[in-house]
Amino acid sequence: TIVTLEEAMKDEVYQTKDNYVDYGGLDWLSRWAKARGVSNSIFSGR
């Protein structure tokens, strides 16, 4: 279901703290993975 940005952000996951800083711009799933120390081999795929 395609929803508004406001509706999507009601998901509690968007309360997850984002402390990512680096030269690259990462999507939020990748930011959260780094914050949790999840390795790319497990998390991202290609």
PDB file of all heavy atoms in Angstrom:
ATOM      1  N   THR A   1       0.866  -1.163   0.000  1.00  0.00           N
ATOM      2  CA  THR A   1       0.000   0.000   0.000  1.00  0.00           C
ATOM      3  C   THR A   1       0.908   1.220   0.000  1.00  0.00           C
ATOM      4  O   THR A   1       1.805   1.331   0.839  1.00  0.00           O
ATOM      5  CB  THR A   1      -0.895   0.034   1.247  1.00  0.00           C
ATOM      6  OG1 THR A   1      -1.732  -1.123   1.239  1.00  0.00           O
ATOM      7  CG2 THR A   1      -1.758   1.290   1.271  1.00  0.00           C
ATOM      8  N   ILE A   2       0.707   2.126  -0.961  1.00  0.00           N
ATOM      9  CA  ILE A   2       1.512   3.334  -1.014  1.00  0.00           C
ATOM     10  C   ILE A   2       0.880   4.366  -0.092  1.00  0.00           C
ATOM     11  O   ILE A   2      -0.293   4.712  -0.239  1.00  0.00           O
ATOM     12  CB  ILE A   2       1.633   3.854  -2.457  1.00  0.00           C
ATOM     13  CG1 ILE A   2       2.340   2.796  -3.312  1.00  0.00           C
ATOM     14  CG2 ILE A   2       2.406   5.176  -2.498  1.00  0.00           C
ATOM     15  CD1 ILE A   2       2.381   3.118  -4.791  1.00  0.00           C
ATOM     16  N   VAL A   3       1.672   4.822   0.874  1.00  0.00           N
ATOM     17  CA  VAL A   3       1.159   5.703   1.929  1.00  0.00           C
ATOM     18  C   VAL A   3       1.926   7.015   1.915  1.00  0.00           C
ATOM     19  O   VAL A   3       2.955   7.162   1.257  1.00  0.00           O
ATOM     20  CB  VAL A   3       1.276   5.032   3.310  1.00  0.00           C
ATOM     21  CG1 VAL A   3       0.455   3.758   3.372  1.00  0.00           C
ATOM     22  CG2 VAL A   3       2.744   4.741   3.669  1.00  0.00           C
ATOM     23  N   THR A   4       1.419   7.971   2.682  1.00  0.00           N
ATOM     24  CA  THR A   4       2.129   9.239   2.831  1.00  0.00           C
ATOM     25  C   THR A   4       3.413   9.023   3.626  1.00  0.00           C
ATOM     26  O   THR A   4       3.551   8.028   4.362  1.00  0.00           O
ATOM     27  CB  THR A   4       1.266  10.276   3.567  1.00  0.00           C
ATOM     28  OG1 THR A   4       1.011   9.797   4.891  1.00  0.00           O
ATOM     29  CG2 THR A   4      -0.040  10.531   2.832  1.00  0.00           C
ATOM     30  N   LEU A   5       4.317   9.966   3.503  1.00  0.00           N
ATOM     31  CA  LEU A   5       5.537   9.918   4.303  1.00  0.00           C
ATOM     32  C   LEU A   5       5.187   9.928   5.793  1.00  0.00           C
ATOM     33  O   LEU A   5       5.785   9.197   6.596  1.00  0.00           O
ATOM     34  CB  LEU A   5       6.431  11.103   3.943  1.00  0.00           C
ATOM     35  CG  LEU A   5       7.746  11.250   4.692  1.00  0.00           C
ATOM     36  CD1 LEU A   5       8.617  10.011   4.547  1.00  0.00           C
ATOM     37  CD2 LEU A   5       8.489  12.499   4.209  1.00  0.00           C
ATOM     38  N   GLU A   6       4.217  10.741   6.158  1.00  0.00           N
ATOM     39  CA  GLU A   6       3.789  10.813   7.560  1.00  0.00           C
ATOM     40  C   GLU A   6       3.315   9.456   8.062  1.00  0.00           C
ATOM     41  O   GLU A   6       3.668   9.031   9.170  1.00  0.00           O
ATOM     42  CB  GLU A   6       2.668  11.844   7.714  1.00  0.00           C
ATOM     43  CG  GLU A   6       2.173  12.002   9.136  1.00  0.00           C
ATOM     44  CD  GLU A   6       1.091  13.051   9.275  1.00  0.00           C
ATOM     45  OE1 GLU A   6       0.425  13.372   8.260  1.00  0.00           O
ATOM     46  OE2 GLU A   6       0.914  13.569  10.392  1.00  0.00           O
ATOM     47  N   GLU A   7       2.531   8.755   7.253  1.00  0.00           N
ATOM     48  CA  GLU A   7       2.015   7.445   7.648  1.00  0.00           C
ATOM     49  C   GLU A   7       3.154   6.436   7.784  1.00  0.00           C
ATOM     50  O   GLU A   7       3.199   5.658   8.748  1.00  0.00           O
ATOM     51  CB  GLU A   7       0.993   6.955   6.621  1.00  0.00           C
ATOM     52  CG  GLU A   7       0.436   5.559   6.883  1.00  0.00           C
ATOM     53  CD  GLU A   7      -0.356   5.435   8.170  1.00  0.00           C
ATOM     54  OE1 GLU A   7      -0.913   6.450   8.633  1.00  0.00           O
ATOM     55  OE2 GLU A   7      -0.420   4.317   8.716  1.00  0.00           O
ATOM     56  N   ALA A   8       4.081   6.442   6.832  1.00  0.00           N
ATOM     57  CA  ALA A   8       5.205   5.502   6.899  1.00  0.00           C
ATOM     58  C   ALA A   8       6.021   5.717   8.165  1.00  0.00           C
ATOM     59  O   ALA A   8       6.454   4.763   8.825  1.00  0.00           O
ATOM     60  CB  ALA A   8       6.095   5.658   5.669  1.00  0.00           C
ATOM     61  N   MET A   9       6.187   6.985   8.546  1.00  0.00           N
ATOM     62  CA  MET A   9       7.032   7.303   9.691  1.00  0.00           C
ATOM     63  C   MET A   9       6.349   7.045  11.037  1.00  0.00           C
ATOM     64  O   MET A   9       6.976   7.210  12.093  1.00  0.00           O
ATOM     65  CB  MET A   9       7.525   8.746   9.599  1.00  0.00           C
ATOM     66  CG  MET A   9       8.541   8.942   8.478  1.00  0.00           C
ATOM     67  SD  MET A   9       9.251  10.611   8.434  1.00  0.00           S
ATOM     68  CE  MET A   9      10.211  10.600   9.968  1.00  0.00           C
ATOM     69  N   LYS A  10       5.107   6.600  11.009  1.00  0.00           N
ATOM     70  CA  LYS A  10       4.461   6.166  12.246  1.00  0.00           C
ATOM     71  C   LYS A  10       5.023   4.835  12.723  1.00  0.00           C
ATOM     72  O   LYS A  10       4.848   4.460  13.888  1.00  0.00           O
ATOM     73  CB  LYS A  10       2.947   6.054  12.044  1.00  0.00           C
ATOM     74  CG  LYS A  10       2.248   7.397  11.911  1.00  0.00           C
ATOM     75  CD  LYS A  10       0.757   7.215  11.678  1.00  0.00           C
ATOM     76  CE  LYS A  10       0.058   8.566  11.521  1.00  0.00           C
ATOM     77  NZ  LYS A  10      -1.391   8.393  11.230  1.00  0.00           N
ATOM     78  N   ASP A  11       5.691   4.107  11.810  1.00  0.00           N
ATOM     79  CA  ASP A  11       6.355   2.874  12.199  1.00  0.00           C
ATOM     80  C   ASP A  11       7.399   3.215  13.270  1.00  0.00           C
ATOM     81  O   ASP A  11       8.225   4.113  13.086  1.00  0.00           O
ATOM     82  CB  ASP A  11       7.040   2.254  10.972  1.00  0.00           C
ATOM     83  CG  ASP A  11       7.558   0.846  11.227  1.00  0.00           C
ATOM     84  OD1 ASP A  11       8.141   0.605  12.303  1.00  0.00           O
ATOM     85  OD2 ASP A  11       7.396  -0.013  10.334  1.00  0.00           O
ATOM     86  N   GLU A  12       7.364   2.480  14.368  1.00  0.00           N
ATOM     87  CA  GLU A  12       8.246   2.784  15.498  1.00  0.00           C
ATOM     88  C   GLU A  12       9.723   2.711  15.139  1.00  0.00           C
ATOM     89  O   GLU A  12      10.575   3.279  15.837  1.00  0.00           O
ATOM     90  CB  GLU A  12       7.961   1.832  16.661  1.00  0.00           C
ATOM     91  CG  GLU A  12       8.258   0.374  16.361  1.00  0.00           C
ATOM     92  CD  GLU A  12       7.862  -0.557  17.492  1.00  0.00           C
ATOM     93  OE1 GLU A  12       7.169  -0.122  18.423  1.00  0.00           O
ATOM     94  OE2 GLU A  12       8.272  -1.731  17.434  1.00  0.00           O
ATOM     95  N   VAL A  13      10.055   2.049  14.037  1.00  0.00           N
ATOM     96  CA  VAL A  13      11.452   1.930  13.646  1.00  0.00           C
ATOM     97  C   VAL A  13      12.087   3.296  13.402  1.00  0.00           C
ATOM     98  O   VAL A  13      13.295   3.486  13.596  1.00  0.00           O
ATOM     99  CB  VAL A  13      11.592   1.038  12.392  1.00  0.00           C
ATOM    100  CG1 VAL A  13      11.134   1.764  11.131  1.00  0.00           C
ATOM    101  CG2 VAL A  13      13.035   0.573  12.214  1.00  0.00           C
ATOM    102  N   TYR A  14      11.264   4.280  13.022  1.00  0.00           N
ATOM    103  CA  TYR A  14      11.804   5.610  12.731  1.00  0.00           C
ATOM    104  C   TYR A  14      12.106   6.414  13.992  1.00  0.00           C
ATOM    105  O   TYR A  14      12.577   7.547  13.901  1.00  0.00           O
ATOM    106  CB  TYR A  14      10.869   6.358  11.776  1.00  0.00           C
ATOM    107  CG  TYR A  14      10.864   5.697  10.411  1.00  0.00           C
ATOM    108  CD1 TYR A  14       9.807   4.888  10.009  1.00  0.00           C
ATOM    109  CD2 TYR A  14      11.943   5.838   9.553  1.00  0.00           C
ATOM    110  CE1 TYR A  14       9.820   4.244   8.786  1.00  0.00           C
ATOM    111  CE2 TYR A  14      11.974   5.203   8.330  1.00  0.00           C
ATOM    112  CZ  TYR A  14      10.913   4.400   7.952  1.00  0.00           C
ATOM    113  OH  TYR A  14      10.940   3.751   6.737  1.00  0.00           O
ATOM    114  N   GLN A  15      11.859   5.805  15.150  1.00  0.00           N
ATOM    115  CA  GLN A  15      12.317   6.404  16.402  1.00  0.00           C
ATOM    116  C   GLN A  15      13.730   5.937  16.740  1.00  0.00           C
ATOM    117  O   GLN A  15      14.333   6.421  17.701  1.00  0.00           O
ATOM    118  CB  GLN A  15      11.361   6.017  17.544  1.00  0.00           C
ATOM    119  CG  GLN A  15       9.914   6.437  17.318  1.00  0.00           C
ATOM    120  CD  GLN A  15       9.771   7.931  17.096  1.00  0.00           C
ATOM    121  OE1 GLN A  15      10.341   8.735  17.836  1.00  0.00           O
ATOM    122  NE2 GLN A  15       9.022   8.311  16.072  1.00  0.00           N
ATOM    123  N   THR A  16      14.262   5.008  15.932  1.00  0.00           N
ATOM    124  CA  THR A  16      15.622   4.511  16.147  1.00  0.00           C
ATOM    125  C   THR A  16      16.616   5.645  15.964  1.00  0.00           C
ATOM    126  O   THR A  16      16.573   6.359  14.962  1.00  0.00           O
ATOM    127  CB  THR A  16      15.953   3.376  15.156  1.00  0.00           C
ATOM    128  OG1 THR A  16      14.954   2.364  15.246  1.00  0.00           O
ATOM    129  CG2 THR A  16      17.319   2.774  15.464  1.00  0.00           C
ATOM    130  N   LYS A  17      17.512   5.816  16.907  1.00  0.00           N
ATOM    131  CA  LYS A  17      18.483   6.901  16.855  1.00  0.00           C
ATOM    132  C   LYS A  17      19.441   6.707  15.688  1.00  0.00           C
ATOM    133  O   LYS A  17      19.938   5.609  15.450  1.00  0.00           O
ATOM    134  CB  LYS A  17      19.260   6.972  18.174  1.00  0.00           C
ATOM    135  CG  LYS A  17      20.270   8.115  18.250  1.00  0.00           C
ATOM    136  CD  LYS A  17      19.587   9.475  18.218  1.00  0.00           C
ATOM    137  CE  LYS A  17      20.583  10.613  18.369  1.00  0.00           C
ATOM    138  NZ  LYS A  17      19.951  11.940  18.186  1.00  0.00           N
ATOM    139  N   ASP A  18      19.680   7.784  14.952  1.00  0.00           N
ATOM    140  CA  ASP A  18      20.609   7.767  13.822  1.00  0.00           C
ATOM    141  C   ASP A  18      21.860   8.547  14.204  1.00  0.00           C
ATOM    142  O   ASP A  18      21.848   9.776  14.243  1.00  0.00           O
ATOM    143  CB  ASP A  18      19.942   8.383  12.588  1.00  0.00           C
ATOM    144  CG  ASP A  18      20.947   8.696  11.495  1.00  0.00           C
ATOM    145  OD1 ASP A  18      21.939   7.947  11.382  1.00  0.00           O
ATOM    146  OD2 ASP A  18      20.753   9.683  10.762  1.00  0.00           O
ATOM    147  N   ASN A  19      22.942   7.836  14.493  1.00  0.00           N
ATOM    148  CA  ASN A  19      24.198   8.476  14.863  1.00  0.00           C
ATOM    149  C   ASN A  19      25.260   8.343  13.772  1.00  0.00           C
ATOM    150  O   ASN A  19      26.443   8.572  14.025  1.00  0.00           O
ATOM    151  CB  ASN A  19      24.745   7.881  16.165  1.00  0.00           C
ATOM    152  CG  ASN A  19      23.938   8.337  17.379  1.00  0.00           C
ATOM    153  OD1 ASN A  19      23.511   9.484  17.443  1.00  0.00           O
ATOM    154  ND2 ASN A  19      23.713   7.436  18.314  1.00  0.00           N
ATOM    155  N   TYR A  20      24.839   7.992  12.568  1.00  0.00           N
ATOM    156  CA  TYR A  20      25.801   7.763  11.490  1.00  0.00           C
ATOM    157  C   TYR A  20      26.403   9.076  11.001  1.00  0.00           C
ATOM    158  O   TYR A  20      25.688  10.025  10.688  1.00  0.00           O
ATOM    159  CB  TYR A  20      25.121   7.056  10.317  1.00  0.00           C
ATOM    160  CG  TYR A  20      26.014   6.934   9.100  1.00  0.00           C
ATOM    161  CD1 TYR A  20      26.991   5.949   9.036  1.00  0.00           C
ATOM    162  CD2 TYR A  20      25.885   7.820   8.032  1.00  0.00           C
ATOM    163  CE1 TYR A  20      27.810   5.838   7.930  1.00  0.00           C
ATOM    164  CE2 TYR A  20      26.706   7.715   6.919  1.00  0.00           C
ATOM    165  CZ  TYR A  20      27.670   6.723   6.876  1.00  0.00           C
ATOM    166  OH  TYR A  20      28.484   6.621   5.789  1.00  0.00           O
ATOM    167  N   VAL A  21      27.710   9.136  10.934  1.00  0.00           N
ATOM    168  CA  VAL A  21      28.415  10.253  10.303  1.00  0.00           C
ATOM    169  C   VAL A  21      29.576   9.690   9.495  1.00  0.00           C
ATOM    170  O   VAL A  21      30.306   8.827   9.958  1.00  0.00           O
ATOM    171  CB  VAL A  21      28.956  11.276  11.331  1.00  0.00           C
ATOM    172  CG1 VAL A  21      27.851  12.117  11.917  1.00  0.00           C
ATOM    173  CG2 VAL A  21      29.747  10.598  12.439  1.00  0.00           C
ATOM    174  N   ASP A  22      29.695  10.185   8.275  1.00  0.00           N
ATOM    175  CA  ASP A  22      30.779   9.755   7.401  1.00  0.00           C
ATOM    176  C   ASP A  22      30.673  10.572   6.123  1.00  0.00           C
ATOM    177  O   ASP A  22      29.721  11.329   5.934  1.00  0.00           O
ATOM    178  CB  ASP A  22      30.682   8.258   7.096  1.00  0.00           C
ATOM    179  CG  ASP A  22      32.032   7.660   6.696  1.00  0.00           C
ATOM    180  OD1 ASP A  22      32.940   8.444   6.362  1.00  0.00           O
ATOM    181  OD2 ASP A  22      32.165   6.429   6.737  1.00  0.00           O
ATOM    182  N   TYR A  23      31.630  10.386   5.221  1.00  0.00           N
ATOM    183  CA  TYR A  23      31.597  11.152   3.974  1.00  0.00           C
ATOM    184  C   TYR A  23      30.479  10.686   3.053  1.00  0.00           C
ATOM    185  O   TYR A  23      29.908  11.456   2.308  1.00  0.00           O
ATOM    186  CB  TYR A  23      32.951  11.054   3.256  1.00  0.00           C
ATOM    187  CG  TYR A  23      33.993  11.963   3.855  1.00  0.00           C
ATOM    188  CD1 TYR A  23      34.933  11.467   4.754  1.00  0.00           C
ATOM    189  CD2 TYR A  23      34.014  13.319   3.557  1.00  0.00           C
ATOM    190  CE1 TYR A  23      35.887  12.302   5.322  1.00  0.00           C
ATOM    191  CE2 TYR A  23      34.963  14.161   4.130  1.00  0.00           C
ATOM    192  CZ  TYR A  23      35.905  13.644   5.008  1.00  0.00           C
ATOM    193  OH  TYR A  23      36.833  14.483   5.567  1.00  0.00           O
ATOM    194  N   GLY A  24      30.172   9.405   3.089  1.00  0.00           N
ATOM    195  CA  GLY A  24      29.136   8.884   2.209  1.00  0.00           C
ATOM    196  C   GLY A  24      27.744   9.160   2.743  1.00  0.00           C
ATOM    197  O   GLY A  24      27.549   9.378   3.934  1.00  0.00           O
ATOM    198  N   GLY A  25      26.758   9.140   1.844  1.00  0.00           N
ATOM    199  CA  GLY A  25      25.370   9.269   2.257  1.00  0.00           C
ATOM    200  C   GLY A  25      24.701   7.913   2.208  1.00  0.00           C
ATOM    201  O   GLY A  25      24.560   7.322   1.135  1.00  0.00           O
ATOM    202  N   LEU A  26      24.310   7.380   3.354  1.00  0.00           N
ATOM    203  CA  LEU A  26      23.715   6.044   3.414  1.00  0.00           C
ATOM    204  C   LEU A  26      22.221   6.099   3.662  1.00  0.00           C
ATOM    205  O   LEU A  26      21.715   6.998   4.341  1.00  0.00           O
ATOM    206  CB  LEU A  26      24.352   5.224   4.546  1.00  0.00           C
ATOM    207  CG  LEU A  26      25.789   4.734   4.362  1.00  0.00           C
ATOM    208  CD1 LEU A  26      26.180   3.883   5.562  1.00  0.00           C
ATOM    209  CD2 LEU A  26      25.949   3.931   3.074  1.00  0.00           C
ATOM    210  N   ASP A  27      21.502   5.106   3.106  1.00  0.00           N
ATOM    211  CA  ASP A  27      20.092   4.959   3.461  1.00  0.00           C
ATOM    212  C   ASP A  27      19.987   4.548   4.919  1.00  0.00           C
ATOM    213  O   ASP A  27      20.960   4.108   5.539  1.00  0.00           O
ATOM    214  CB  ASP A  27      19.426   3.928   2.543  1.00  0.00           C
ATOM    215  CG  ASP A  27      20.004   2.533   2.725  1.00  0.00           C
ATOM    216  OD1 ASP A  27      19.678   1.887   3.734  1.00  0.00           O
ATOM    217  OD2 ASP A  27      20.795   2.086   1.860  1.00  0.00           O
ATOM    218  N   TRP A  28      18.780   4.690   5.469  1.00  0.00           N
ATOM    219  CA  TRP A  28      18.606   4.500   6.917  1.00  0.00           C
ATOM    220  C   TRP A  28      18.744   3.047   7.343  1.00  0.00           C
ATOM    221  O   TRP A  28      19.211   2.759   8.451  1.00  0.00           O
ATOM    222  CB  TRP A  28      17.268   5.096   7.357  1.00  0.00           C
ATOM    223  CG  TRP A  28      17.396   6.483   7.897  1.00  0.00           C
ATOM    224  CD1 TRP A  28      17.134   6.886   9.180  1.00  0.00           C
ATOM    225  CD2 TRP A  28      17.851   7.670   7.211  1.00  0.00           C
ATOM    226  NE1 TRP A  28      17.380   8.240   9.325  1.00  0.00           N
ATOM    227  CE2 TRP A  28      17.822   8.749   8.128  1.00  0.00           C
ATOM    228  CE3 TRP A  28      18.271   7.930   5.912  1.00  0.00           C
ATOM    229  CZ2 TRP A  28      18.193  10.042   7.790  1.00  0.00           C
ATOM    230  CZ3 TRP A  28      18.643   9.220   5.560  1.00  0.00           C
ATOM    231  CH2 TRP A  28      18.605  10.257   6.490  1.00  0.00           C
ATOM    232  N   LEU A  29      18.368   2.100   6.512  1.00  0.00           N
ATOM    233  CA  LEU A  29      18.584   0.701   6.869  1.00  0.00           C
ATOM    234  C   LEU A  29      20.077   0.428   7.040  1.00  0.00           C
ATOM    235  O   LEU A  29      20.496  -0.253   7.993  1.00  0.00           O
ATOM    236  CB  LEU A  29      17.992  -0.225   5.797  1.00  0.00           C
ATOM    237  CG  LEU A  29      16.486  -0.442   5.860  1.00  0.00           C
ATOM    238  CD1 LEU A  29      15.986  -1.103   4.581  1.00  0.00           C
ATOM    239  CD2 LEU A  29      16.105  -1.286   7.079  1.00  0.00           C
ATOM    240  N   SER A  30      20.892   0.977   6.148  1.00  0.00           N
ATOM    241  CA  SER A  30      22.343   0.787   6.243  1.00  0.00           C
ATOM    242  C   SER A  30      22.900   1.492   7.478  1.00  0.00           C
ATOM    243  O   SER A  30      23.806   0.979   8.147  1.00  0.00           O
ATOM    244  CB  SER A  30      23.030   1.321   4.983  1.00  0.00           C
ATOM    245  OG  SER A  30      22.612   0.600   3.840  1.00  0.00           O
ATOM    246  N   ARG A  31      22.355   2.669   7.805  1.00  0.00           N
ATOM    247  CA  ARG A  31      22.790   3.384   9.008  1.00  0.00           C
ATOM    248  C   ARG A  31      22.498   2.555  10.265  1.00  0.00           C
ATOM    249  O   ARG A  31      23.339   2.427  11.157  1.00  0.00           O
ATOM    250  CB  ARG A  31      22.052   4.725   9.115  1.00  0.00           C
ATOM    251  CG  ARG A  31      22.489   5.753   8.096  1.00  0.00           C
ATOM    252  CD  ARG A  31      21.480   6.898   8.010  1.00  0.00           C
ATOM    253  NE  ARG A  31      21.863   7.827   6.966  1.00  0.00           N
ATOM    254  CZ  ARG A  31      22.409   9.035   7.181  1.00  0.00           C
ATOM    255  NH1 ARG A  31      22.587   9.466   8.412  1.00  0.00           N
ATOM    256  NH2 ARG A  31      22.755   9.795   6.184  1.00  0.00           N
ATOM    257  N   TRP A  32      21.282   2.022  10.318  1.00  0.00           N
ATOM    258  CA  TRP A  32      20.902   1.231  11.488  1.00  0.00           C
ATOM    259  C   TRP A  32      21.753  -0.034  11.591  1.00  0.00           C
ATOM    260  O   TRP A  32      22.111  -0.463  12.689  1.00  0.00           O
ATOM    261  CB  TRP A  32      19.420   0.884  11.427  1.00  0.00           C
ATOM    262  CG  TRP A  32      18.518   2.073  11.550  1.00  0.00           C
ATOM    263  CD1 TRP A  32      18.735   3.208  12.283  1.00  0.00           C
ATOM    264  CD2 TRP A  32      17.249   2.251  10.909  1.00  0.00           C
ATOM    265  NE1 TRP A  32      17.680   4.077  12.141  1.00  0.00           N
ATOM    266  CE2 TRP A  32      16.749   3.527  11.307  1.00  0.00           C
ATOM    267  CE3 TRP A  32      16.476   1.488  10.049  1.00  0.00           C
ATOM    268  CZ2 TRP A  32      15.525   4.029  10.873  1.00  0.00           C
ATOM    269  CZ3 TRP A  32      15.251   1.977   9.605  1.00  0.00           C
ATOM    270  CH2 TRP A  32      14.784   3.243  10.018  1.00  0.00           C
ATOM    271  N   ALA A  33      22.079  -0.624  10.451  1.00  0.00           N
ATOM    272  CA  ALA A  33      22.921  -1.825  10.457  1.00  0.00           C
ATOM    273  C   ALA A  33      24.297  -1.507  11.019  1.00  0.00           C
ATOM    274  O   ALA A  33      24.841  -2.262  11.834  1.00  0.00           O
ATOM    275  CB  ALA A  33      23.036  -2.388   9.040  1.00  0.00           C
ATOM    276  N   LYS A  34      24.874  -0.384  10.605  1.00  0.00           N
ATOM    277  CA  LYS A  34      26.187   0.009  11.122  1.00  0.00           C
ATOM    278  C   LYS A  34      26.119   0.279  12.628  1.00  0.00           C
ATOM    279  O   LYS A  34      27.027  -0.090  13.378  1.00  0.00           O
ATOM    280  CB  LYS A  34      26.699   1.228  10.371  1.00  0.00           C
ATOM    281  CG  LYS A  34      27.245   0.911   8.974  1.00  0.00           C
ATOM    282  CD  LYS A  34      27.866   2.128   8.338  1.00  0.00           C
ATOM    283  CE  LYS A  34      28.511   1.767   7.007  1.00  0.00           C
ATOM    284  NZ  LYS A  34      29.678   0.878   7.151  1.00  0.00           N
ATOM    285  N   ALA A  35      25.047   0.936  13.047  1.00  0.00           N
ATOM    286  CA  ALA A  35      24.897   1.238  14.476  1.00  0.00           C
ATOM    287  C   ALA A  35      24.813  -0.038  15.306  1.00  0.00           C
ATOM    288  O   ALA A  35      25.267  -0.082  16.447  1.00  0.00           O
ATOM    289  CB  ALA A  35      23.650   2.092  14.700  1.00  0.00           C
ATOM    290  N   ARG A  36      24.243  -1.100  14.707  1.00  0.00           N
ATOM    291  CA  ARG A  36      24.105  -2.368  15.422  1.00  0.00           C
ATOM    292  C   ARG A  36      25.308  -3.277  15.225  1.00  0.00           C
ATOM    293  O   ARG A  36      25.337  -4.389  15.764  1.00  0.00           O
ATOM    294  CB  ARG A  36      22.838  -3.085  14.939  1.00  0.00           C
ATOM    295  CG  ARG A  36      21.555  -2.393  15.360  1.00  0.00           C
ATOM    296  CD  ARG A  36      20.333  -3.145  14.865  1.00  0.00           C
ATOM    297  NE  ARG A  36      19.118  -2.585  15.429  1.00  0.00           N
ATOM    298  CZ  ARG A  36      18.015  -3.291  15.686  1.00  0.00           C
ATOM    299  NH1 ARG A  36      18.002  -4.583  15.420  1.00  0.00           N
ATOM    300  NH2 ARG A  36      16.956  -2.713  16.193  1.00  0.00           N
ATOM    301  N   GLY A  37      26.266  -2.827  14.408  1.00  0.00           N
ATOM    302  CA  GLY A  37      27.455  -3.635  14.158  1.00  0.00           C
ATOM    303  C   GLY A  37      27.188  -4.855  13.305  1.00  0.00           C
ATOM    304  O   GLY A  37      27.908  -5.861  13.385  1.00  0.00           O
ATOM    305  N   VAL A  38      26.148  -4.778  12.461  1.00  0.00           N
ATOM    306  CA  VAL A  38      25.808  -5.908  11.587  1.00  0.00           C
ATOM    307  C   VAL A  38      26.713  -5.848  10.354  1.00  0.00           C
ATOM    308  O   VAL A  38      26.797  -4.822   9.679  1.00  0.00           O
ATOM    309  CB  VAL A  38      24.327  -5.838  11.158  1.00  0.00           C
ATOM    310  CG1 VAL A  38      23.994  -6.989  10.224  1.00  0.00           C
ATOM    311  CG2 VAL A  38      23.426  -5.866  12.386  1.00  0.00           C
ATOM    312  N   SER A  39      27.378  -6.935  10.048  1.00  0.00           N
ATOM    313  CA  SER A  39      28.308  -6.953   8.918  1.00  0.00           C
ATOM    314  C   SER A  39      27.560  -6.909   7.595  1.00  0.00           C
ATOM    315  O   SER A  39      26.419  -7.379   7.484  1.00  0.00           O
ATOM    316  CB  SER A  39      29.181  -8.207   8.968  1.00  0.00           C
ATOM    317  OG  SER A  39      28.405  -9.358   8.687  1.00  0.00           O
ATOM    318  N   ASN A  40      28.203  -6.347   6.581  1.00  0.00           N
ATOM    319  CA  ASN A  40      27.598  -6.255   5.255  1.00  0.00           C
ATOM    320  C   ASN A  40      27.257  -7.625   4.687  1.00  0.00           C
ATOM    321  O   ASN A  40      26.264  -7.788   3.981  1.00  0.00           O
ATOM    322  CB  ASN A  40      28.541  -5.517   4.294  1.00  0.00           C
ATOM    323  CG  ASN A  40      28.553  -4.027   4.545  1.00  0.00           C
ATOM    324  OD1 ASN A  40      27.641  -3.492   5.172  1.00  0.00           O
ATOM    325  ND2 ASN A  40      29.587  -3.349   4.077  1.00  0.00           N
ATOM    326  N   SER A  41      28.076  -8.621   4.980  1.00  0.00           N
ATOM    327  CA  SER A  41      27.835  -9.961   4.423  1.00  0.00           C
ATOM    328  C   SER A  41      26.510 -10.533   4.909  1.00  0.00           C
ATOM    329  O   SER A  41      25.843 -11.281   4.197  1.00  0.00           O
ATOM    330  CB  SER A  41      28.978 -10.900   4.799  1.00  0.00           C
ATOM    331  OG  SER A  41      29.075 -11.019   6.207  1.00  0.00           O
ATOM    332  N   ILE A  42      26.125 -10.178   6.133  1.00  0.00           N
ATOM    333  CA  ILE A  42      24.850 -10.658   6.682  1.00  0.00           C
ATOM    334  C   ILE A  42      23.704  -9.741   6.269  1.00  0.00           C
ATOM    335  O   ILE A  42      22.617 -10.197   5.929  1.00  0.00           O
ATOM    336  CB  ILE A  42      24.922 -10.721   8.225  1.00  0.00           C
ATOM    337  CG1 ILE A  42      25.947 -11.766   8.656  1.00  0.00           C
ATOM    338  CG2 ILE A  42      23.556 -11.019   8.825  1.00  0.00           C
ATOM    339  CD1 ILE A  42      26.208 -11.792  10.146  1.00  0.00           C
ATOM    340  N   PHE A  43      23.997  -8.430   6.267  1.00  0.00           N
ATOM    341  CA  PHE A  43      22.911  -7.463   6.124  1.00  0.00           C
ATOM    342  C   PHE A  43      22.515  -7.167   4.690  1.00  0.00           C
ATOM    343  O   PHE A  43      21.358  -7.265   4.319  1.00  0.00           O
ATOM    344  CB  PHE A  43      23.312  -6.152   6.808  1.00  0.00           C
ATOM    345  CG  PHE A  43      22.489  -4.959   6.390  1.00  0.00           C
ATOM    346  CD1 PHE A  43      21.154  -4.858   6.759  1.00  0.00           C
ATOM    347  CD2 PHE A  43      23.042  -3.954   5.618  1.00  0.00           C
ATOM    348  CE1 PHE A  43      20.396  -3.775   6.377  1.00  0.00           C
ATOM    349  CE2 PHE A  43      22.289  -2.869   5.232  1.00  0.00           C
ATOM    350  CZ  PHE A  43      20.965  -2.775   5.608  1.00  0.00           C
ATOM    351  N   SER A  44      23.479  -6.813   3.837  1.00  0.00           N
ATOM    352  CA  SER A  44      23.086  -6.037   2.666  1.00  0.00           C
ATOM    353  C   SER A  44      22.830  -6.824   1.400  1.00  0.00           C
ATOM    354  O   SER A  44      21.924  -6.510   0.647  1.00  0.00           O
ATOM    355  CB  SER A  44      24.140  -4.954   2.379  1.00  0.00           C
ATOM    356  OG  SER A  44      25.373  -5.548   2.066  1.00  0.00           O
ATOM    357  N   GLY A  45      23.624  -7.840   1.144  1.00  0.00           N
ATOM    358  CA  GLY A  45      23.504  -8.443  -0.167  1.00  0.00           C
ATOM    359  C   GLY A  45      24.065  -7.488  -1.208  1.00  0.00           C
ATOM    360  O   GLY A  45      24.686  -6.479  -0.889  1.00  0.00           O
ATOM    361  N   ARG A  46      23.802  -7.745  -2.459  1.00  0.00           N
ATOM    362  CA  ARG A  46      24.383  -6.958  -3.553  1.00  0.00           C
ATOM    363  C   ARG A  46      23.328  -6.052  -4.173  1.00  0.00           C
ATOM    364  O   ARG A  46      22.274  -6.522  -4.606  1.00  0.00           O
ATOM    365  CB  ARG A  46      24.964  -7.884  -4.616  1.00  0.00           C
ATOM    366  CG  ARG A  46      25.745  -7.148  -5.703  1.00  0.00           C
ATOM    367  CD  ARG A  46      26.359  -8.152  -6.675  1.00  0.00           C
ATOM    368  NE  ARG A  46      27.083  -7.478  -7.734  1.00  0.00           N
ATOM    369  CZ  ARG A  46      28.348  -7.076  -7.649  1.00  0.00           C
ATOM    370  NH1 ARG A  46      29.009  -7.289  -6.523  1.00  0.00           N
ATOM    371  NH2 ARG A  46      28.948  -6.472  -8.647  1.00  0.00           N
TER     372      ARG A  46
END
